[in-house]
Protein backbone atom coordinates (compact mmCIF):
# COMPACT_ATOMS: atom_id res chain seq x y z
CA MET A 1 78.63 71.18 29.31
CA THR A 2 79.39 72.56 32.73
CA LYS A 3 79.67 76.22 33.36
CA GLU A 4 82.57 77.31 35.53
CA MET A 5 82.17 80.16 38.00
CA PRO A 6 84.77 82.87 37.60
CA PHE A 7 87.26 83.15 40.44
CA LYS A 8 86.20 86.69 41.35
CA SER A 9 82.56 85.63 41.79
CA LEU A 10 83.55 82.69 43.95
CA LEU A 11 85.80 84.89 46.08
CA GLY A 12 82.97 87.44 46.45
CA LEU A 13 80.61 84.73 47.67
CA ILE A 14 83.12 83.48 50.22
CA ILE A 15 83.85 86.96 51.59
CA GLY A 16 80.16 87.89 51.66
CA GLY A 17 79.28 84.73 53.55
CA ALA A 18 82.05 85.36 56.04
CA LEU A 19 80.80 88.91 56.66
CA VAL A 20 77.25 87.71 57.22
CA LEU A 21 78.38 85.02 59.64
CA GLY A 22 80.67 87.48 61.41
CA GLY A 23 77.80 89.94 61.83
CA CYS A 24 75.61 87.25 63.35
CA ALA A 25 78.38 86.21 65.71
CA GLY A 26 78.82 89.80 66.86
CA GLN A 27 75.11 90.12 67.61
CA THR A 28 75.12 86.87 69.56
CA SER A 29 78.06 88.11 71.61
CA LYS A 30 76.23 91.32 72.54
CA MET A 31 73.14 89.38 73.54
CA GLY A 32 75.32 87.04 75.53
CA ASP A 33 76.93 89.97 77.37
CA ALA A 34 73.53 91.43 78.25
CA GLU A 35 72.30 88.10 79.57
CA LYS A 36 75.48 87.59 81.58
CA ALA A 37 75.17 91.06 83.09
CA GLU A 38 71.50 90.50 83.94
CA GLN A 39 72.34 87.19 85.60
CA ALA A 40 75.20 88.77 87.56
CA VAL A 41 72.92 91.57 88.81
CA ALA A 42 70.24 89.04 89.78
CA LYS A 43 72.80 86.96 91.72
CA ALA A 44 74.06 90.07 93.51
CA GLU A 45 70.50 91.11 94.42
CA SER A 46 69.84 87.62 95.75
CA ALA A 47 73.04 87.67 97.82
CA VAL A 48 72.17 91.07 99.31
CA LYS A 49 68.66 89.86 100.14
CA LYS A 50 70.12 86.79 101.84
CA VAL A 51 72.43 88.94 103.98
CA ARG A 52 69.59 91.23 104.98
CA GLU A 53 67.34 88.33 105.93
CA GLN A 54 69.96 86.34 107.82
CA SER A 55 71.68 89.19 109.65
CA GLY A 56 69.05 91.89 109.99
CA ASP A 57 71.35 94.14 107.90
CA TRP A 58 74.22 93.72 110.39
CA GLY A 59 76.24 91.74 107.85
CA LEU A 60 75.75 94.22 105.02
CA TRP A 61 78.82 96.31 104.25
CA LYS A 62 78.26 100.05 103.73
CA SER A 63 79.51 100.03 100.15
CA THR A 64 77.56 96.98 98.95
CA LEU A 65 74.26 98.72 98.20
CA GLY A 66 76.01 101.52 96.33
CA ILE A 67 77.92 99.06 94.19
CA LEU A 68 74.72 97.13 93.47
CA GLY A 69 73.05 100.40 92.46
CA ASN A 70 75.94 101.10 90.08
CA ALA A 71 75.50 97.66 88.56
CA LYS A 72 71.79 98.27 87.98
CA ASN A 73 72.44 101.68 86.43
CA SER A 74 75.13 100.30 84.13
CA LEU A 75 72.76 97.54 83.06
CA LYS A 76 70.04 100.08 82.21
CA GLN A 77 72.54 102.14 80.20
CA GLY A 78 73.69 99.08 78.26
CA ASP A 79 77.22 99.04 79.69
CA TYR A 80 77.15 95.30 80.26
CA LYS A 81 80.82 94.92 81.13
CA ALA A 82 80.60 97.55 83.90
CA ALA A 83 77.30 96.08 85.09
CA ALA A 84 78.75 92.58 85.39
CA GLU A 85 81.89 93.82 87.14
CA ALA A 86 79.93 95.87 89.66
CA ALA A 87 77.44 93.07 90.24
CA ASN A 88 80.24 90.59 90.86
CA GLU A 89 81.82 93.01 93.35
CA ALA A 90 78.48 93.52 95.13
CA LYS A 91 77.96 89.75 95.36
CA PHE A 92 81.49 89.30 96.68
CA GLU A 93 80.91 91.93 99.36
CA ALA A 94 77.54 90.46 100.31
CA ASP A 95 79.02 86.96 100.65
CA LYS A 96 82.01 88.22 102.65
CA GLY A 97 79.81 90.40 104.84
CA LEU A 98 77.59 87.47 105.75
CA ALA A 99 80.61 85.29 106.46
CA GLN A 100 82.05 88.05 108.63
CA TYR A 101 78.75 88.41 110.49
CA ARG A 102 78.61 84.67 111.16
CA GLN A 103 82.22 84.67 112.35
CA GLU A 104 81.52 87.57 114.73
CA GLN A 105 78.47 85.77 116.10
CA SER A 106 80.51 82.64 116.67
CA GLN A 107 83.31 84.55 118.40
CA TYR A 108 80.78 86.42 120.56
CA LYS A 109 79.26 83.17 121.77
CA LEU A 110 82.69 81.76 122.57
CA ALA A 111 83.64 84.91 124.49
CA VAL A 112 80.44 84.76 126.52
CA GLN A 113 80.95 81.08 127.31
CA ALA A 114 84.53 81.71 128.43
CA ALA A 115 83.54 84.69 130.57
CA GLU A 116 80.67 82.83 132.20
CA ALA A 117 82.94 79.85 132.87
CA ASN A 118 85.34 82.19 134.67
CA GLY A 119 82.49 83.83 136.55
CA ASP A 120 83.47 87.37 135.62
CA TYR A 121 80.79 88.25 133.09
CA PRO A 122 77.22 87.31 134.00
CA GLU A 123 75.87 87.56 130.45
CA SER A 124 72.37 86.45 131.40
CA LYS A 125 72.06 89.28 133.92
CA TRP A 126 73.60 91.82 131.57
CA VAL A 127 71.17 90.95 128.77
CA ASN A 128 68.22 91.33 131.13
CA GLY A 129 69.45 94.70 132.35
CA ARG A 130 70.46 93.53 135.82
CA VAL A 131 74.18 94.23 135.82
CA GLY A 132 75.61 94.10 139.30
CA GLU A 133 72.55 92.47 140.87
CA PRO A 134 73.00 89.19 142.72
């Protein structure tokens, strides 16, 4: 003879299982947010380091280090959403700052070439401190 499980017991098992699975999913999401924020901060730090190395700090925007500091502080405090947002902003600024620096360098070289071709800006003499000398 088979014993049938009452409906209320079966319903209790289903709801209990769903709650357990939901709790595990919530924990995984929090861990995922922390990892995402940590990765975003690491990428921002790497981008800032790259700008500093490749431009001697000339390509670093004034606000970038402050925003990166905010990202690190938010990460320490467990505010992973704010940490990721700030880190993404810091990386954006670092990338744009380096691109801007490279563009300025390119434009500077073109301006020097054009001036030297016209003979009205002796860049080689100016760099060596001999402006106006023959």
